[in-house]
Each structure stands twice: as structure tokens, then as C-alpha cells.
Amino acid sequence: MLSASHIRILTALVLTGFALLCGVVTAGTLMYAIGDKVDLSGTAFDTNTMYLFVTGPGLDFNGVNPSQMSSAVVSGDPSTFVQVDVENNRWSYIWNTAHQGFSLQGGTYTIYAVSQPVGKNALPAVYGSIEISLSQGGVSLPASGTISITTLPPGASVYVDSQFVGSTPKTFTAAVGNHTLRIESPGYQTLVEALPVLNGGLISIERTLVPVPAITTATMVSPTPHIAVTSLSPVPAVTATPAIPLSAVIGILATSGAVLVRHQRKNNGGLTGG
């Protein structure tokens, strides 16, 4: 019995096919001319990678690699498939229908999207597929080069001419010419640089991402008001008078009184005597 997640994968792929082009010939079949680029996208759950292959007139029955249509896919060998990263349950891929070493025949081709690296002879119970009708004769494949990008830390998003091509480490091909490379990762500074691609060339790019500087908020502290200090004259020391025993005071008074009395008596005696 089909799981709900697998049903969603299949349904999303077919509905995407309808949305790509209004000229739908039959259910899920789209019309293009050989040499056109076909935008494919879909929804996938419970997987981080989708494996794509294509079948059609003159191609291996088990399927071929959409980016190297002279190479048959091998079940169990992921390197023989187009591998597409799934981000936020979404994936996308541009299929270039220009012939690669041979001319494609006019007819109906089928693109398969599977969550495992298996060809047509080993398909699981559920998979996504869409039919593409190609007309006219084949055209030559534009010259291209290979780019290999690694970053520290890994997992950065890679864009070429604003088109997402995958997360690092990533190896892919690009048409000959001058392109713009952009590498982004949350918490790190974005890298933007020129990407000149030569025919048949290999470009290896290794970049160490620089963290975005942390923003610190300074707390404003009100300055302490200046307090004027008035100089004060020192208070003179007070010398304590030694305590005099009460008996001594009385004695002095008594002695003074005695002297005073004697002095008065002497004077009185003089008066009397005179």
C-alpha cells in the first residue's frame, strides 16, 4: 500500500508538470523543441536527495543520466544519476535537451524522480515521473566546464547567476563564459566573485567562510555629577583639664577662707587698736 509521503511526491511532480507550460498535450505530457531547457521541480518528503534519470527513443531502457544522456544509469550507483538536493521539501532541476555526443530523436521522453538511486528495472512501488514531448532535430550542446566547490564549514548554498545549484561540497557543470558565483550560509558573510568557465576545464574552489561580526549593544551610563568639596579648617584640639578631686576643691576653699578670715581679723584688730 502506498504511503502518504510517497503519494505526495508523485502528485507534486505531476502537478508541477502542469504548471510548467500551458500547452499540455496529454495528462502530464509537455511539449518542447529539442535544444530547449526544461525547468523541473517537485516536492519530496522524508529524503534529502532525489535521483533523476530519463528514458526515451534511442536511450537505454533502464534510463540515462539527464546531464550525460550517453551514459546509462546503474541501480545502486548514485554517481550515475543526477542528484538533486531537497531543501524545505522542495527540489528543482533544469534539463538541457540539447544532444550530448548524438542527436536526440523526436518523441516522448520520461523523466523519473526517485528517492533511491535505482533505474527503471528496479523502480520502487512509488516514484515521480513526467512525460516530455520533444520535436525537431537535435542541436549541439554548448561547451561547458566543471566546477568543484568546497567550503569550511560545509553546507553553504551555491548560486551561479542567481540560480541555486546545490550545497557544498558540490561539483557541477556550467556553460562556457563568464558567470557570477555566490556562496551563502547563515551566520557567515556572503561571498560573491566572478566565475570564468573554460571549455572542458576544471575549476576547484575552496573557501573558508568568515563569520558575521557580532553586534554588541553598549549600555549608556549617566556620568556621576561632580561634587564640590569645601576645605574645612581643622578644629583645634581641646586639652581636657585634669579632673580635680572634690575633696581637694573643698580643701582649697577652706584654706582660702581661713586666710581670708585671718586677714579680716588682722585688719579688725588694727582698727580696734587704733
C-alpha atoms as a PDB file:
ATOM      1  CA  MET A   1       0.000   0.000   0.000  1.00  0.00           C
ATOM      2  CA  LEU A   2       1.307   3.485  -0.862  1.00  0.00           C
ATOM      3  CA  SER A   3       2.427   5.678   1.978  1.00  0.00           C
ATOM      4  CA  ALA A   4       1.061   9.214   2.240  1.00  0.00           C
ATOM      5  CA  SER A   5       4.528  10.714   1.816  1.00  0.00           C
ATOM      6  CA  HIS A   6       5.179   8.781  -1.404  1.00  0.00           C
ATOM      7  CA  ILE A   7       1.815   9.767  -2.810  1.00  0.00           C
ATOM      8  CA  ARG A   8       2.650  13.410  -2.128  1.00  0.00           C
ATOM      9  CA  ILE A   9       5.958  13.043  -4.021  1.00  0.00           C
ATOM     10  CA  LEU A  10       4.227  11.661  -7.099  1.00  0.00           C
ATOM     11  CA  THR A  11       1.341  14.141  -7.020  1.00  0.00           C
ATOM     12  CA  ALA A  12       3.603  17.154  -6.546  1.00  0.00           C
ATOM     13  CA  LEU A  13       5.785  16.178  -9.505  1.00  0.00           C
ATOM     14  CA  VAL A  14       2.833  15.734 -11.856  1.00  0.00           C
ATOM     15  CA  LEU A  15       1.182  18.974 -10.757  1.00  0.00           C
ATOM     16  CA  THR A  16       4.468  20.795 -11.286  1.00  0.00           C
ATOM     17  CA  GLY A  17       4.490  19.447 -14.815  1.00  0.00           C
ATOM     18  CA  PHE A  18       1.112  21.004 -15.473  1.00  0.00           C
ATOM     19  CA  ALA A  19       2.335  24.327 -14.125  1.00  0.00           C
ATOM     20  CA  LEU A  20       5.450  24.435 -16.316  1.00  0.00           C
ATOM     21  CA  LEU A  21       3.701  25.004 -19.608  1.00  0.00           C
ATOM     22  CA  CYS A  22       0.130  25.737 -20.549  1.00  0.00           C
ATOM     23  CA  GLY A  23       0.320  23.687 -23.786  1.00  0.00           C
ATOM     24  CA  VAL A  24      -0.306  20.316 -22.162  1.00  0.00           C
ATOM     25  CA  VAL A  25      -0.846  17.617 -24.806  1.00  0.00           C
ATOM     26  CA  THR A  26      -1.997  14.810 -22.535  1.00  0.00           C
ATOM     27  CA  ALA A  27      -2.108  14.492 -18.771  1.00  0.00           C
ATOM     28  CA  GLY A  28       1.455  15.155 -17.538  1.00  0.00           C
ATOM     29  CA  THR A  29       2.948  15.488 -21.062  1.00  0.00           C
ATOM     30  CA  LEU A  30       4.636  18.747 -22.042  1.00  0.00           C
ATOM     31  CA  MET A  31       5.799  19.880 -25.488  1.00  0.00           C
ATOM     32  CA  TYR A  32       9.271  21.286 -26.147  1.00  0.00           C
ATOM     33  CA  ALA A  33      11.693  21.540 -29.027  1.00  0.00           C
ATOM     34  CA  ILE A  34      14.955  19.646 -28.839  1.00  0.00           C
ATOM     35  CA  GLY A  35      17.539  22.087 -27.545  1.00  0.00           C
ATOM     36  CA  ASP A  36      15.170  23.751 -25.086  1.00  0.00           C
ATOM     37  CA  LYS A  37      15.793  23.853 -21.358  1.00  0.00           C
ATOM     38  CA  VAL A  38      13.036  22.274 -19.286  1.00  0.00           C
ATOM     39  CA  ASP A  39      12.520  23.539 -15.737  1.00  0.00           C
ATOM     40  CA  LEU A  40      11.577  20.663 -13.457  1.00  0.00           C
ATOM     41  CA  SER A  41      10.687  20.885  -9.790  1.00  0.00           C
ATOM     42  CA  GLY A  42       8.740  18.963  -7.222  1.00  0.00           C
ATOM     43  CA  THR A  43       8.027  18.231  -3.598  1.00  0.00           C
ATOM     44  CA  ALA A  44       9.709  15.435  -1.667  1.00  0.00           C
ATOM     45  CA  PHE A  45       9.324  14.315   1.924  1.00  0.00           C
ATOM     46  CA  ASP A  46      11.486  12.179   4.214  1.00  0.00           C
ATOM     47  CA  THR A  47      14.548  12.463   1.941  1.00  0.00           C
ATOM     48  CA  ASN A  48      17.411  14.905   1.391  1.00  0.00           C
ATOM     49  CA  THR A  49      18.245  13.829  -2.172  1.00  0.00           C
ATOM     50  CA  MET A  50      16.290  12.994  -5.321  1.00  0.00           C
ATOM     51  CA  TYR A  51      17.796  10.851  -8.102  1.00  0.00           C
ATOM     52  CA  LEU A  52      16.772  11.695 -11.665  1.00  0.00           C
ATOM     53  CA  PHE A  53      17.046   9.703 -14.889  1.00  0.00           C
ATOM     54  CA  VAL A  54      15.371   9.804 -18.302  1.00  0.00           C
ATOM     55  CA  THR A  55      14.101   7.225 -20.794  1.00  0.00           C
ATOM     56  CA  GLY A  56      13.020   7.700 -24.386  1.00  0.00           C
ATOM     57  CA  PRO A  57      13.675   6.937 -28.078  1.00  0.00           C
ATOM     58  CA  GLY A  58      17.191   5.675 -28.710  1.00  0.00           C
ATOM     59  CA  LEU A  59      18.120   5.701 -24.998  1.00  0.00           C
ATOM     60  CA  ASP A  60      18.978   2.786 -22.726  1.00  0.00           C
ATOM     61  CA  PHE A  61      15.802   1.071 -21.500  1.00  0.00           C
ATOM     62  CA  ASN A  62      16.903   1.297 -17.865  1.00  0.00           C
ATOM     63  CA  GLY A  63      17.425   5.054 -18.190  1.00  0.00           C
ATOM     64  CA  VAL A  64      20.252   7.517 -18.732  1.00  0.00           C
ATOM     65  CA  ASN A  65      21.685  10.466 -16.871  1.00  0.00           C
ATOM     66  CA  PRO A  66      19.801  13.628 -17.978  1.00  0.00           C
ATOM     67  CA  SER A  67      23.011  15.672 -17.946  1.00  0.00           C
ATOM     68  CA  GLN A  68      25.011  12.983 -19.812  1.00  0.00           C
ATOM     69  CA  MET A  69      22.465  11.224 -21.979  1.00  0.00           C
ATOM     70  CA  SER A  70      25.011   8.850 -23.485  1.00  0.00           C
ATOM     71  CA  SER A  71      25.613   7.346 -20.009  1.00  0.00           C
ATOM     72  CA  ALA A  72      23.211   4.709 -18.705  1.00  0.00           C
ATOM     73  CA  VAL A  73      22.305   4.736 -15.023  1.00  0.00           C
ATOM     74  CA  VAL A  74      23.271   1.800 -12.798  1.00  0.00           C
ATOM     75  CA  SER A  75      20.965   0.860  -9.951  1.00  0.00           C
ATOM     76  CA  GLY A  76      22.787   1.208  -6.647  1.00  0.00           C
ATOM     77  CA  ASP A  77      25.410   3.592  -8.058  1.00  0.00           C
ATOM     78  CA  PRO A  78      24.392   7.192  -7.131  1.00  0.00           C
ATOM     79  CA  SER A  79      27.165   8.709  -9.279  1.00  0.00           C
ATOM     80  CA  THR A  80      25.396   7.573 -12.474  1.00  0.00           C
ATOM     81  CA  PHE A  81      22.281   9.635 -11.669  1.00  0.00           C
ATOM     82  CA  VAL A  82      21.593  13.352 -11.495  1.00  0.00           C
ATOM     83  CA  GLN A  83      21.449  14.052  -7.771  1.00  0.00           C
ATOM     84  CA  VAL A  84      19.287  16.967  -6.682  1.00  0.00           C
ATOM     85  CA  ASP A  85      19.288  18.395  -3.167  1.00  0.00           C
ATOM     86  CA  VAL A  86      15.968  18.678  -1.353  1.00  0.00           C
ATOM     87  CA  GLU A  87      15.569  21.836   0.721  1.00  0.00           C
ATOM     88  CA  ASN A  88      12.422  22.626   2.691  1.00  0.00           C
ATOM     89  CA  ASN A  89      10.800  19.612   0.989  1.00  0.00           C
ATOM     90  CA  ARG A  90      11.389  21.165  -2.460  1.00  0.00           C
ATOM     91  CA  TRP A  91      13.784  20.303  -5.302  1.00  0.00           C
ATOM     92  CA  SER A  92      14.421  21.732  -8.770  1.00  0.00           C
ATOM     93  CA  TYR A  93      16.443  20.842 -11.851  1.00  0.00           C
ATOM     94  CA  ILE A  94      16.923  22.284 -15.347  1.00  0.00           C
ATOM     95  CA  TRP A  95      17.121  19.634 -18.066  1.00  0.00           C
ATOM     96  CA  ASN A  96      19.047  20.770 -21.135  1.00  0.00           C
ATOM     97  CA  THR A  97      17.620  18.749 -24.035  1.00  0.00           C
ATOM     98  CA  ALA A  98      20.456  19.613 -26.411  1.00  0.00           C
ATOM     99  CA  HIS A  99      22.123  16.382 -27.583  1.00  0.00           C
ATOM    100  CA  GLN A 100      25.349  15.278 -25.967  1.00  0.00           C
ATOM    101  CA  GLY A 101      27.504  13.439 -28.471  1.00  0.00           C
ATOM    102  CA  PHE A 102      24.495  12.385 -30.544  1.00  0.00           C
ATOM    103  CA  SER A 103      21.219  13.855 -31.823  1.00  0.00           C
ATOM    104  CA  LEU A 104      18.064  13.168 -29.838  1.00  0.00           C
ATOM    105  CA  GLN A 105      15.168  11.741 -31.772  1.00  0.00           C
ATOM    106  CA  GLY A 106      11.783  13.368 -31.800  1.00  0.00           C
ATOM    107  CA  GLY A 107       9.354  11.607 -29.494  1.00  0.00           C
ATOM    108  CA  THR A 108       8.210  11.283 -25.913  1.00  0.00           C
ATOM    109  CA  TYR A 109      10.714  11.115 -23.087  1.00  0.00           C
ATOM    110  CA  THR A 110      10.006  10.366 -19.442  1.00  0.00           C
ATOM    111  CA  ILE A 111      11.833  11.985 -16.528  1.00  0.00           C
ATOM    112  CA  TYR A 112      11.840   9.896 -13.341  1.00  0.00           C
ATOM    113  CA  ALA A 113      12.402  11.269  -9.838  1.00  0.00           C
ATOM    114  CA  VAL A 114      13.177   8.625  -7.203  1.00  0.00           C
ATOM    115  CA  SER A 115      14.305   8.879  -3.591  1.00  0.00           C
ATOM    116  CA  GLN A 116      16.741   5.979  -4.199  1.00  0.00           C
ATOM    117  CA  PRO A 117      19.451   5.532  -6.867  1.00  0.00           C
ATOM    118  CA  VAL A 118      17.605   2.918  -8.942  1.00  0.00           C
ATOM    119  CA  GLY A 119      16.785   2.727 -12.657  1.00  0.00           C
ATOM    120  CA  LYS A 120      13.614   1.708 -14.434  1.00  0.00           C
ATOM    121  CA  ASN A 121      14.253  -2.023 -13.971  1.00  0.00           C
ATOM    122  CA  ALA A 122      14.322  -1.638 -10.184  1.00  0.00           C
ATOM    123  CA  LEU A 123      11.761   1.091  -9.522  1.00  0.00           C
ATOM    124  CA  PRO A 124      10.105   1.047  -6.082  1.00  0.00           C
ATOM    125  CA  ALA A 125       6.352   0.845  -5.755  1.00  0.00           C
ATOM    126  CA  VAL A 126       6.060   4.632  -5.846  1.00  0.00           C
ATOM    127  CA  TYR A 127       8.057   7.190  -7.800  1.00  0.00           C
ATOM    128  CA  GLY A 128       7.554  10.512  -9.547  1.00  0.00           C
ATOM    129  CA  SER A 129       7.565  10.834 -13.332  1.00  0.00           C
ATOM    130  CA  ILE A 130       6.528  13.237 -16.072  1.00  0.00           C
ATOM    131  CA  GLU A 131       6.483  12.952 -19.858  1.00  0.00           C
ATOM    132  CA  ILE A 132       8.178  15.461 -22.145  1.00  0.00           C
ATOM    133  CA  SER A 133       7.404  15.516 -25.896  1.00  0.00           C
ATOM    134  CA  LEU A 134      10.410  16.706 -27.923  1.00  0.00           C
ATOM    135  CA  SER A 135      10.197  17.741 -31.569  1.00  0.00           C
ATOM    136  CA  GLN A 136      12.631  18.874 -34.294  1.00  0.00           C
ATOM    137  CA  GLY A 137      16.218  17.732 -34.794  1.00  0.00           C
ATOM    138  CA  GLY A 138      18.903  17.851 -32.160  1.00  0.00           C
ATOM    139  CA  VAL A 139      21.162  20.837 -31.664  1.00  0.00           C
ATOM    140  CA  SER A 140      24.731  20.872 -30.422  1.00  0.00           C
ATOM    141  CA  LEU A 141      25.378  21.011 -26.718  1.00  0.00           C
ATOM    142  CA  PRO A 142      27.012  24.277 -25.633  1.00  0.00           C
ATOM    143  CA  ALA A 143      30.587  23.892 -24.469  1.00  0.00           C
ATOM    144  CA  SER A 144      30.924  23.632 -20.712  1.00  0.00           C
ATOM    145  CA  GLY A 145      33.379  23.254 -17.838  1.00  0.00           C
ATOM    146  CA  THR A 146      33.281  21.585 -14.453  1.00  0.00           C
ATOM    147  CA  ILE A 147      33.283  23.441 -11.146  1.00  0.00           C
ATOM    148  CA  SER A 148      34.020  21.844  -7.780  1.00  0.00           C
ATOM    149  CA  ILE A 149      33.299  23.921  -4.673  1.00  0.00           C
ATOM    150  CA  THR A 150      34.060  23.145  -1.034  1.00  0.00           C
ATOM    151  CA  THR A 151      33.634  25.419   1.975  1.00  0.00           C
ATOM    152  CA  LEU A 152      34.577  25.427   5.621  1.00  0.00           C
ATOM    153  CA  PRO A 153      32.158  24.912   7.238  1.00  0.00           C
ATOM    154  CA  PRO A 154      30.314  22.785   4.646  1.00  0.00           C
ATOM    155  CA  GLY A 155      26.613  23.077   3.804  1.00  0.00           C
ATOM    156  CA  ALA A 156      26.765  26.550   2.217  1.00  0.00           C
ATOM    157  CA  SER A 157      24.310  27.365  -0.580  1.00  0.00           C
ATOM    158  CA  VAL A 158      25.871  27.868  -4.030  1.00  0.00           C
ATOM    159  CA  TYR A 159      24.332  30.120  -6.687  1.00  0.00           C
ATOM    160  CA  VAL A 160      25.533  30.660 -10.259  1.00  0.00           C
ATOM    161  CA  ASP A 161      23.992  33.678 -11.965  1.00  0.00           C
ATOM    162  CA  SER A 162      21.420  33.767  -9.125  1.00  0.00           C
ATOM    163  CA  GLN A 163      20.358  30.151  -9.764  1.00  0.00           C
ATOM    164  CA  PHE A 164      20.697  27.693  -6.886  1.00  0.00           C
ATOM    165  CA  VAL A 165      22.868  24.719  -7.877  1.00  0.00           C
ATOM    166  CA  GLY A 166      23.258  22.917  -4.533  1.00  0.00           C
ATOM    167  CA  SER A 167      25.032  22.894  -1.187  1.00  0.00           C
ATOM    168  CA  THR A 168      28.744  22.448  -0.565  1.00  0.00           C
ATOM    169  CA  PRO A 169      30.619  20.275  -1.222  1.00  0.00           C
ATOM    170  CA  LYS A 170      29.248  20.479  -4.771  1.00  0.00           C
ATOM    171  CA  THR A 171      30.511  19.533  -8.238  1.00  0.00           C
ATOM    172  CA  PHE A 172      28.571  20.656 -11.307  1.00  0.00           C
ATOM    173  CA  THR A 173      28.952  21.843 -14.884  1.00  0.00           C
ATOM    174  CA  ALA A 174      28.344  25.307 -16.310  1.00  0.00           C
ATOM    175  CA  ALA A 175      28.324  26.707 -19.828  1.00  0.00           C
ATOM    176  CA  VAL A 176      31.492  28.331 -21.125  1.00  0.00           C
ATOM    177  CA  GLY A 177      31.595  32.034 -20.383  1.00  0.00           C
ATOM    178  CA  ASN A 178      31.710  34.488 -17.532  1.00  0.00           C
ATOM    179  CA  HIS A 179      29.370  33.821 -14.631  1.00  0.00           C
ATOM    180  CA  THR A 180      28.781  35.190 -11.146  1.00  0.00           C
ATOM    181  CA  LEU A 181      29.286  32.863  -8.201  1.00  0.00           C
ATOM    182  CA  ARG A 182      27.570  33.496  -4.870  1.00  0.00           C
ATOM    183  CA  ILE A 183      28.057  31.447  -1.696  1.00  0.00           C
ATOM    184  CA  GLU A 184      25.747  31.960   1.273  1.00  0.00           C
ATOM    185  CA  SER A 185      25.461  30.434   4.735  1.00  0.00           C
ATOM    186  CA  PRO A 186      23.500  31.705   7.773  1.00  0.00           C
ATOM    187  CA  GLY A 187      25.782  33.480  10.240  1.00  0.00           C
ATOM    188  CA  TYR A 188      28.569  33.996   7.688  1.00  0.00           C
ATOM    189  CA  GLN A 189      29.446  36.742   5.246  1.00  0.00           C
ATOM    190  CA  THR A 190      28.200  36.197   1.677  1.00  0.00           C
ATOM    191  CA  LEU A 191      30.896  35.620  -0.953  1.00  0.00           C
ATOM    192  CA  VAL A 192      30.378  36.998  -4.464  1.00  0.00           C
ATOM    193  CA  GLU A 193      33.018  36.567  -7.153  1.00  0.00           C
ATOM    194  CA  ALA A 194      33.498  36.146 -10.893  1.00  0.00           C
ATOM    195  CA  LEU A 195      33.405  32.613 -12.286  1.00  0.00           C
ATOM    196  CA  PRO A 196      35.051  32.314 -15.733  1.00  0.00           C
ATOM    197  CA  VAL A 197      34.367  28.860 -17.229  1.00  0.00           C
ATOM    198  CA  LEU A 198      36.534  27.383 -19.994  1.00  0.00           C
ATOM    199  CA  ASN A 199      35.540  24.545 -22.328  1.00  0.00           C
ATOM    200  CA  GLY A 200      36.434  21.224 -20.728  1.00  0.00           C
ATOM    201  CA  GLY A 201      38.167  22.969 -17.852  1.00  0.00           C
ATOM    202  CA  LEU A 202      38.013  22.083 -14.172  1.00  0.00           C
ATOM    203  CA  ILE A 203      37.790  24.802 -11.545  1.00  0.00           C
ATOM    204  CA  SER A 204      38.366  23.851  -7.909  1.00  0.00           C
ATOM    205  CA  ILE A 205      37.217  26.457  -5.401  1.00  0.00           C
ATOM    206  CA  GLU A 206      37.940  26.187  -1.689  1.00  0.00           C
ATOM    207  CA  ARG A 207      36.664  28.932   0.574  1.00  0.00           C
ATOM    208  CA  THR A 208      36.710  29.473   4.331  1.00  0.00           C
ATOM    209  CA  LEU A 209      33.613  31.388   5.341  1.00  0.00           C
ATOM    210  CA  VAL A 210      34.014  34.385   7.636  1.00  0.00           C
ATOM    211  CA  PRO A 211      31.505  34.731  10.497  1.00  0.00           C
ATOM    212  CA  VAL A 212      29.361  37.850  10.587  1.00  0.00           C
ATOM    213  CA  PRO A 213      30.698  40.122  13.372  1.00  0.00           C
ATOM    214  CA  ALA A 214      28.572  40.015  16.494  1.00  0.00           C
ATOM    215  CA  ILE A 215      26.675  43.239  17.177  1.00  0.00           C
ATOM    216  CA  THR A 216      27.075  44.424  20.769  1.00  0.00           C
ATOM    217  CA  THR A 217      24.804  46.993  22.381  1.00  0.00           C
ATOM    218  CA  ALA A 218      26.563  49.489  24.657  1.00  0.00           C
ATOM    219  CA  THR A 219      24.713  50.473  27.835  1.00  0.00           C
ATOM    220  CA  MET A 220      24.758  54.232  28.430  1.00  0.00           C
ATOM    221  CA  VAL A 221      25.751  55.145  31.989  1.00  0.00           C
ATOM    222  CA  SER A 222      24.986  58.672  33.206  1.00  0.00           C
ATOM    223  CA  PRO A 223      28.121  60.408  34.442  1.00  0.00           C
ATOM    224  CA  THR A 224      28.410  60.882  38.200  1.00  0.00           C
ATOM    225  CA  PRO A 225      27.792  64.594  38.994  1.00  0.00           C
ATOM    226  CA  HIS A 226      30.829  66.482  40.253  1.00  0.00           C
ATOM    227  CA  ILE A 227      30.542  67.344  43.924  1.00  0.00           C
ATOM    228  CA  ALA A 228      32.484  70.432  45.062  1.00  0.00           C
ATOM    229  CA  VAL A 229      34.456  69.806  48.241  1.00  0.00           C
ATOM    230  CA  THR A 230      34.905  72.811  50.625  1.00  0.00           C
ATOM    231  CA  SER A 231      38.097  72.814  52.645  1.00  0.00           C
ATOM    232  CA  LEU A 232      37.373  72.977  56.341  1.00  0.00           C
ATOM    233  CA  SER A 233      39.803  74.426  58.899  1.00  0.00           C
ATOM    234  CA  PRO A 234      40.880  71.836  61.359  1.00  0.00           C
ATOM    235  CA  VAL A 235      39.176  72.038  64.704  1.00  0.00           C
ATOM    236  CA  PRO A 236      41.808  72.820  67.361  1.00  0.00           C
ATOM    237  CA  ALA A 237      42.339  70.079  69.758  1.00  0.00           C
ATOM    238  CA  VAL A 238      40.779  70.665  73.152  1.00  0.00           C
ATOM    239  CA  THR A 239      43.020  69.791  76.044  1.00  0.00           C
ATOM    240  CA  ALA A 240      40.965  68.333  78.782  1.00  0.00           C
ATOM    241  CA  THR A 241      41.502  69.871  82.205  1.00  0.00           C
ATOM    242  CA  PRO A 242      42.534  67.192  84.605  1.00  0.00           C
ATOM    243  CA  ALA A 243      39.740  66.389  86.965  1.00  0.00           C
ATOM    244  CA  ILE A 244      40.263  67.711  90.496  1.00  0.00           C
ATOM    245  CA  PRO A 245      39.023  65.545  93.286  1.00  0.00           C
ATOM    246  CA  LEU A 246      36.149  67.102  95.181  1.00  0.00           C
ATOM    247  CA  SER A 247      37.980  66.841  98.475  1.00  0.00           C
ATOM    248  CA  ALA A 248      40.843  68.930  97.082  1.00  0.00           C
ATOM    249  CA  VAL A 249      38.495  71.700  95.963  1.00  0.00           C
ATOM    250  CA  ILE A 250      36.909  71.835  99.306  1.00  0.00           C
ATOM    251  CA  GLY A 251      40.276  71.975 100.927  1.00  0.00           C
ATOM    252  CA  ILE A 252      41.367  74.915  98.807  1.00  0.00           C
ATOM    253  CA  LEU A 253      38.232  76.793  99.527  1.00  0.00           C
ATOM    254  CA  ALA A 254      38.530  76.073 103.161  1.00  0.00           C
ATOM    255  CA  THR A 255      42.154  77.208 103.145  1.00  0.00           C
ATOM    256  CA  SER A 256      41.300  80.369 101.249  1.00  0.00           C
ATOM    257  CA  GLY A 257      38.547  81.037 103.608  1.00  0.00           C
ATOM    258  CA  ALA A 258      40.838  80.560 106.504  1.00  0.00           C
ATOM    259  CA  VAL A 259      43.304  83.006 105.027  1.00  0.00           C
ATOM    260  CA  LEU A 260      40.573  85.451 104.307  1.00  0.00           C
ATOM    261  CA  VAL A 261      39.271  85.135 107.802  1.00  0.00           C
ATOM    262  CA  ARG A 262      42.665  85.671 109.306  1.00  0.00           C
ATOM    263  CA  HIS A 263      43.226  88.674 107.074  1.00  0.00           C
ATOM    264  CA  GLN A 264      39.988  90.214 108.122  1.00  0.00           C
ATOM    265  CA  ARG A 265      40.673  89.611 111.723  1.00  0.00           C
ATOM    266  CA  LYS A 266      44.040  91.234 111.404  1.00  0.00           C
ATOM    267  CA  ASN A 267      42.532  94.311 109.888  1.00  0.00           C
ATOM    268  CA  ASN A 268      39.855  94.450 112.517  1.00  0.00           C
ATOM    269  CA  GLY A 269      42.393  94.182 115.194  1.00  0.00           C
ATOM    270  CA  GLY A 270      44.260  97.082 113.739  1.00  0.00           C
ATOM    271  CA  LEU A 271      41.187  99.229 113.740  1.00  0.00           C
ATOM    272  CA  THR A 272      40.384  98.366 117.209  1.00  0.00           C
ATOM    273  CA  GLY A 273      43.830  99.049 118.357  1.00  0.00           C
ATOM    274  CA  GLY A 274      43.934 102.477 116.701  1.00  0.00           C
END
